Amino acid sequence: MATRLLLIGNDNNTKDLFFDKLSGDFSCVTSSKKSMDLKWHVDAFKPDAIVYCMLDEDEKYFNSLANFRREVLGSDRHFIAVGSKDEIDAFQNMTARCADIQIFDPESAIALKDSIKDAFTNPLKYSGQNPGPSVGNQQQASSWNDILNQLEGEAGAVRKHILVIDDDPLMLKVIKDYLHENYEVAAAKSGSVAYKFLEKRSTDLILLDYEMPDEKGPDVLKKIREIPGMAQVPVIFLTGVKDKERLVEIVKVKPQGYLNKPVERQALYDMIAKVMPD
């Protein structure tokens, strides 16, 4: 089984290496740095490690990441920082060494892969000074409820939430990259994962793959409509179907709209504006 990595941070070039060059070695999903989003992805995806792809990171997230590491991730899973030495050092100094593995400026996808695989075998080699999983900071750690309360306000104004359901990790990445600057985005790789998510929290819009291997989109839509509070949430199908007869089948299921794959960014935003106006 491929090592599962949950990718966070601003360095999209490094994240692209995982999806474009290293998909055979690692199974990857992206998340925002907010603990609510992180916790959901950790529960659903069960990663072996979080990889913080660092580039001009906002220091306001550092303490919440350290608390998340301590309260949720624990010491049995790695927290890997990838980036420049200066930026990683600043992060480590402000979080009492949250990252137990440090990888400085990998020169290539192969170098990144080799470093991560080696780090899983020899973590002390990549830990820097004062090795170990300690993530406490100088103030006493907040309780998990305190952390959640802190995160409710860390982004300022509340943004609308979109749930993307697709079995293709690359499609999930593309859609999240399109939307993350303007919406809160969660990703589910199957209907069963989406049901668990929707039992715990709501969403404002669902982007749903029409054809998935375990459950087809129409079947997933039917079950979602049966979840309390979900009957009126708009759904947009994502589909590779082009012929008219199949498109008629999609329309019969009564989604609020559909988009052909590959999904174009502007077409996606136009459709969202149509079915989920401000």
Protein backbone atom coordinates (compact mmCIF):
# COMPACT_ATOMS: atom_id res chain seq x y z
CA MET A 1 0.00 0.00 0.00
CA ALA A 2 1.31 3.45 -0.91
CA THR A 3 2.27 5.77 1.93
CA ARG A 4 -0.57 8.23 2.55
CA LEU A 5 0.43 11.89 2.80
CA LEU A 6 -1.77 14.86 3.66
CA LEU A 7 -0.31 17.95 1.96
CA ILE A 8 -0.69 21.48 3.33
CA GLY A 9 1.07 24.81 2.76
CA ASN A 10 1.52 27.42 0.06
CA ASP A 11 4.17 25.73 -2.10
CA ASN A 12 2.01 24.47 -4.96
CA ASN A 13 5.07 23.49 -7.00
CA THR A 14 6.10 20.96 -4.37
CA LYS A 15 2.53 19.68 -4.07
CA ASP A 16 2.42 19.28 -7.85
CA LEU A 17 5.52 17.06 -7.66
CA PHE A 18 3.61 14.64 -5.43
CA PHE A 19 0.65 14.43 -7.81
CA ASP A 20 2.50 14.61 -11.14
CA LYS A 21 5.72 12.69 -10.44
CA LEU A 22 5.25 10.65 -7.26
CA SER A 23 1.70 9.33 -7.46
CA GLY A 24 3.05 5.79 -7.77
CA ASP A 25 4.95 6.12 -4.49
CA PHE A 26 2.55 8.15 -2.37
CA SER A 27 -1.21 8.52 -2.10
CA CYS A 28 -1.84 12.23 -1.53
CA VAL A 29 -4.68 14.55 -0.58
CA THR A 30 -4.48 18.30 0.04
CA SER A 31 -6.01 20.29 2.88
CA SER A 32 -6.09 23.86 4.09
CA LYS A 33 -4.12 24.69 7.26
CA LYS A 34 -7.27 25.18 9.32
CA SER A 35 -7.65 22.58 12.04
CA MET A 36 -11.32 21.89 11.26
CA ASP A 37 -10.35 20.96 7.71
CA LEU A 38 -7.23 19.10 8.84
CA LYS A 39 -9.13 17.06 11.41
CA TRP A 40 -11.72 15.99 8.87
CA HIS A 41 -9.04 14.92 6.38
CA VAL A 42 -7.09 13.05 9.06
CA ASP A 43 -10.23 11.18 10.15
CA ALA A 44 -11.31 10.38 6.59
CA PHE A 45 -7.98 9.83 4.82
CA LYS A 46 -5.93 8.45 7.76
CA PRO A 47 -2.58 9.76 6.50
CA ASP A 48 0.75 8.34 7.58
CA ALA A 49 2.14 11.88 7.73
CA ILE A 50 1.31 15.53 7.20
CA VAL A 51 3.67 17.26 4.77
CA TYR A 52 3.92 21.03 5.24
CA CYS A 53 5.02 22.40 1.85
CA MET A 54 6.33 25.76 3.02
CA LEU A 55 6.54 28.95 0.98
CA ASP A 56 5.98 32.42 2.47
CA GLU A 57 3.80 30.93 5.18
CA ASP A 58 1.66 33.11 7.44
CA GLU A 59 2.93 32.80 11.01
CA LYS A 60 -0.61 33.14 12.39
CA TYR A 61 -1.15 29.44 11.64
CA PHE A 62 1.99 28.16 13.39
CA ASN A 63 0.58 27.79 16.90
CA SER A 64 -2.65 26.19 15.71
CA LEU A 65 -0.64 23.66 13.67
CA ALA A 66 1.51 22.88 16.70
CA ASN A 67 -1.60 22.40 18.85
CA PHE A 68 -3.16 20.23 16.16
CA ARG A 69 -0.04 18.07 16.09
CA ARG A 70 -0.19 17.61 19.82
CA GLU A 71 -3.93 17.23 20.33
CA VAL A 72 -4.95 15.28 17.21
CA LEU A 73 -2.06 13.92 15.17
CA GLY A 74 -0.04 12.68 18.13
CA SER A 75 3.47 11.27 17.99
CA ASP A 76 2.65 8.09 16.06
CA ARG A 77 2.40 9.96 12.75
CA HIS A 78 5.05 12.21 11.25
CA PHE A 79 4.82 15.94 10.64
CA ILE A 80 7.21 16.73 7.76
CA ALA A 81 8.31 20.27 6.89
CA VAL A 82 9.59 20.79 3.33
CA GLY A 83 11.06 24.14 2.31
CA SER A 84 13.96 26.52 2.78
CA LYS A 85 16.13 26.18 5.87
CA ASP A 86 15.32 29.72 7.00
CA GLU A 87 11.57 29.22 6.81
CA ILE A 88 11.63 25.79 8.47
CA ASP A 89 13.93 27.08 11.23
CA ALA A 90 11.53 29.96 11.92
CA PHE A 91 8.59 27.53 12.09
CA GLN A 92 10.47 25.14 14.36
CA ASN A 93 11.61 27.91 16.72
CA MET A 94 8.08 29.32 17.07
CA THR A 95 6.43 25.93 17.65
CA ALA A 96 8.99 24.15 19.86
CA ARG A 97 9.91 21.93 16.91
CA CYS A 98 6.48 20.85 15.68
CA ALA A 99 7.99 19.07 12.66
CA ASP A 100 9.81 15.88 13.60
CA ILE A 101 11.19 15.61 10.04
CA GLN A 102 12.80 18.45 8.08
CA ILE A 103 13.61 18.32 4.36
CA PHE A 104 15.44 21.36 3.03
CA ASP A 105 14.94 22.44 -0.60
CA PRO A 106 14.74 19.06 -2.40
CA GLU A 107 16.37 19.41 -5.81
CA SER A 108 13.99 17.09 -7.67
CA ALA A 109 10.99 14.80 -7.31
CA ILE A 110 13.35 11.85 -6.92
CA ALA A 111 15.29 13.63 -4.17
CA LEU A 112 12.01 14.45 -2.39
CA LYS A 113 10.79 10.86 -2.66
CA ASP A 114 14.08 9.41 -1.43
CA SER A 115 14.25 11.82 1.50
CA ILE A 116 10.72 11.04 2.67
CA LYS A 117 11.18 7.28 2.37
CA ASP A 118 14.51 7.48 4.17
CA ALA A 119 12.98 9.71 6.85
CA PHE A 120 10.31 7.11 7.61
CA THR A 121 13.09 4.60 8.24
CA ASN A 122 15.58 6.96 9.93
CA PRO A 123 13.55 9.89 11.35
CA LEU A 124 16.33 11.08 13.68
CA LYS A 125 18.51 11.72 10.66
CA TYR A 126 16.06 14.42 9.51
CA SER A 127 14.98 15.82 12.86
CA GLY A 128 17.57 18.56 13.31
CA GLN A 129 18.52 19.68 16.80
CA ASN A 130 16.62 18.43 19.83
CA PRO A 131 15.03 15.53 17.91
CA GLY A 132 11.71 14.17 18.94
CA PRO A 133 8.03 14.69 18.50
CA SER A 134 7.69 17.43 21.11
CA VAL A 135 5.28 20.08 19.92
CA GLY A 136 4.39 21.90 23.14
CA ASN A 137 4.79 25.63 23.09
CA GLN A 138 5.72 28.01 25.84
CA GLN A 139 2.12 28.52 26.85
CA GLN A 140 0.05 25.60 28.06
CA ALA A 141 -1.67 23.84 25.18
CA SER A 142 -5.33 24.60 24.75
CA SER A 143 -7.93 21.91 25.02
CA TRP A 144 -9.29 20.66 21.72
CA ASN A 145 -12.48 22.67 22.21
CA ASP A 146 -10.43 25.82 22.74
CA ILE A 147 -8.55 25.12 19.52
CA LEU A 148 -11.81 24.71 17.60
CA ASN A 149 -13.15 27.95 19.01
CA GLN A 150 -9.95 29.72 18.00
CA LEU A 151 -10.23 28.41 14.47
CA GLU A 152 -13.78 29.57 13.98
CA GLY A 153 -12.47 33.12 13.81
CA GLU A 154 -9.03 32.72 12.31
CA ALA A 155 -10.15 33.37 8.72
CA GLY A 156 -12.20 36.47 9.39
CA ALA A 157 -15.48 36.49 7.49
CA VAL A 158 -17.22 33.14 7.11
CA ARG A 159 -16.90 31.78 3.59
CA LYS A 160 -19.28 29.41 1.87
CA HIS A 161 -18.40 25.74 1.98
CA ILE A 162 -18.11 23.36 -0.97
CA LEU A 163 -17.79 19.57 -0.77
CA VAL A 164 -16.10 17.86 -3.74
CA ILE A 165 -16.76 14.12 -4.22
CA ASP A 166 -14.55 12.39 -6.76
CA ASP A 167 -12.49 9.18 -6.75
CA ASP A 168 -9.70 10.83 -8.78
CA PRO A 169 -7.09 12.47 -6.46
CA LEU A 170 -5.86 14.67 -9.29
CA MET A 171 -9.36 15.99 -9.95
CA LEU A 172 -9.80 16.71 -6.24
CA LYS A 173 -6.53 18.64 -6.26
CA VAL A 174 -7.45 20.64 -9.37
CA ILE A 175 -10.86 21.65 -8.00
CA LYS A 176 -9.45 22.57 -4.58
CA ASP A 177 -6.72 24.65 -6.20
CA TYR A 178 -9.37 26.47 -8.25
CA LEU A 179 -11.57 27.25 -5.27
CA HIS A 180 -9.51 27.49 -2.06
CA GLU A 181 -8.94 31.26 -2.26
CA ASN A 182 -12.66 32.05 -2.24
CA TYR A 183 -14.38 29.10 -0.56
CA GLU A 184 -13.89 26.58 2.22
CA VAL A 185 -13.35 23.30 0.36
CA ALA A 186 -13.50 19.73 1.63
CA ALA A 187 -12.75 16.64 -0.46
CA ALA A 188 -14.20 13.14 -0.33
CA LYS A 189 -12.92 10.29 -2.49
CA SER A 190 -16.16 8.27 -2.32
CA GLY A 191 -19.80 8.47 -1.41
CA SER A 192 -19.23 6.63 1.87
CA VAL A 193 -16.66 9.23 2.98
CA ALA A 194 -19.04 12.03 1.99
CA TYR A 195 -21.90 10.54 4.05
CA LYS A 196 -19.73 10.47 7.18
CA PHE A 197 -18.72 14.07 6.58
CA LEU A 198 -22.29 15.26 6.07
CA GLU A 199 -23.45 13.52 9.24
CA LYS A 200 -21.18 15.87 11.21
CA ARG A 201 -21.36 19.17 9.34
CA SER A 202 -23.19 20.98 6.59
CA THR A 203 -22.11 22.30 3.22
CA ASP A 204 -23.44 24.96 0.85
CA LEU A 205 -22.74 23.16 -2.44
CA ILE A 206 -21.67 19.71 -3.65
CA LEU A 207 -19.55 18.98 -6.72
CA LEU A 208 -20.16 15.30 -7.48
CA ASP A 209 -18.44 12.97 -9.94
CA TYR A 210 -21.11 11.32 -12.08
CA GLU A 211 -19.22 8.06 -12.57
CA MET A 212 -17.28 6.49 -9.69
CA PRO A 213 -16.26 2.84 -9.34
CA ASP A 214 -18.06 1.93 -6.08
CA GLU A 215 -21.19 4.07 -6.27
CA LYS A 216 -22.36 6.04 -9.26
CA GLY A 217 -23.08 9.72 -8.84
CA PRO A 218 -26.89 9.37 -9.09
CA ASP A 219 -26.89 6.78 -6.29
CA VAL A 220 -24.72 9.03 -4.12
CA LEU A 221 -27.01 11.98 -4.82
CA LYS A 222 -30.07 9.99 -3.80
CA LYS A 223 -28.51 9.02 -0.45
CA ILE A 224 -27.30 12.57 0.19
CA ARG A 225 -30.83 13.88 -0.37
CA GLU A 226 -32.00 11.54 2.42
CA ILE A 227 -29.57 13.05 4.96
CA PRO A 228 -31.41 15.55 7.20
CA GLY A 229 -30.88 19.11 6.01
CA MET A 230 -29.40 18.10 2.64
CA ALA A 231 -32.50 17.97 0.44
CA GLN A 232 -32.13 21.57 -0.79
CA VAL A 233 -28.33 21.80 -1.06
CA PRO A 234 -27.40 22.37 -4.74
CA VAL A 235 -25.44 19.65 -6.53
CA ILE A 236 -23.35 20.01 -9.69
CA PHE A 237 -22.30 16.84 -11.51
CA LEU A 238 -18.77 16.58 -12.90
CA THR A 239 -18.79 14.26 -15.91
CA GLY A 240 -16.80 13.06 -18.87
CA VAL A 241 -20.04 12.12 -20.65
CA LYS A 242 -20.49 13.88 -23.98
CA ASP A 243 -23.18 12.03 -25.96
CA LYS A 244 -26.73 13.37 -25.85
CA GLU A 245 -28.43 10.21 -24.56
CA ARG A 246 -26.17 10.03 -21.52
CA LEU A 247 -26.59 13.74 -20.88
CA VAL A 248 -30.37 13.23 -20.84
CA GLU A 249 -29.80 10.61 -18.10
CA ILE A 250 -27.90 13.17 -16.05
CA VAL A 251 -30.64 15.78 -16.42
CA LYS A 252 -33.28 13.26 -15.29
CA VAL A 253 -31.55 12.99 -11.89
CA LYS A 254 -32.27 16.72 -11.44
CA PRO A 255 -28.95 18.16 -10.36
CA GLN A 256 -28.72 21.95 -10.30
CA GLY A 257 -26.16 21.74 -13.09
CA TYR A 258 -23.35 19.74 -14.66
CA LEU A 259 -19.85 20.44 -15.98
CA ASN A 260 -17.84 18.45 -18.49
CA LYS A 261 -14.38 17.21 -17.56
CA PRO A 262 -11.74 18.49 -17.77
CA VAL A 263 -13.30 21.24 -15.71
CA GLU A 264 -12.27 24.76 -16.68
CA ARG A 265 -11.83 27.27 -13.85
CA GLN A 266 -14.03 30.02 -15.29
CA ALA A 267 -16.79 27.59 -16.23
CA LEU A 268 -16.73 26.26 -12.66
CA TYR A 269 -17.01 29.73 -11.15
CA ASP A 270 -19.80 30.65 -13.57
CA MET A 271 -21.78 27.54 -12.63
CA ILE A 272 -21.27 28.12 -8.90
CA ALA A 273 -22.50 31.69 -9.25
CA LYS A 274 -25.58 30.40 -11.09
CA VAL A 275 -26.62 27.74 -8.55
CA MET A 276 -25.28 29.35 -5.36
CA PRO A 277 -25.66 33.13 -5.68
CA ASP A 278 -24.22 35.39 -2.97
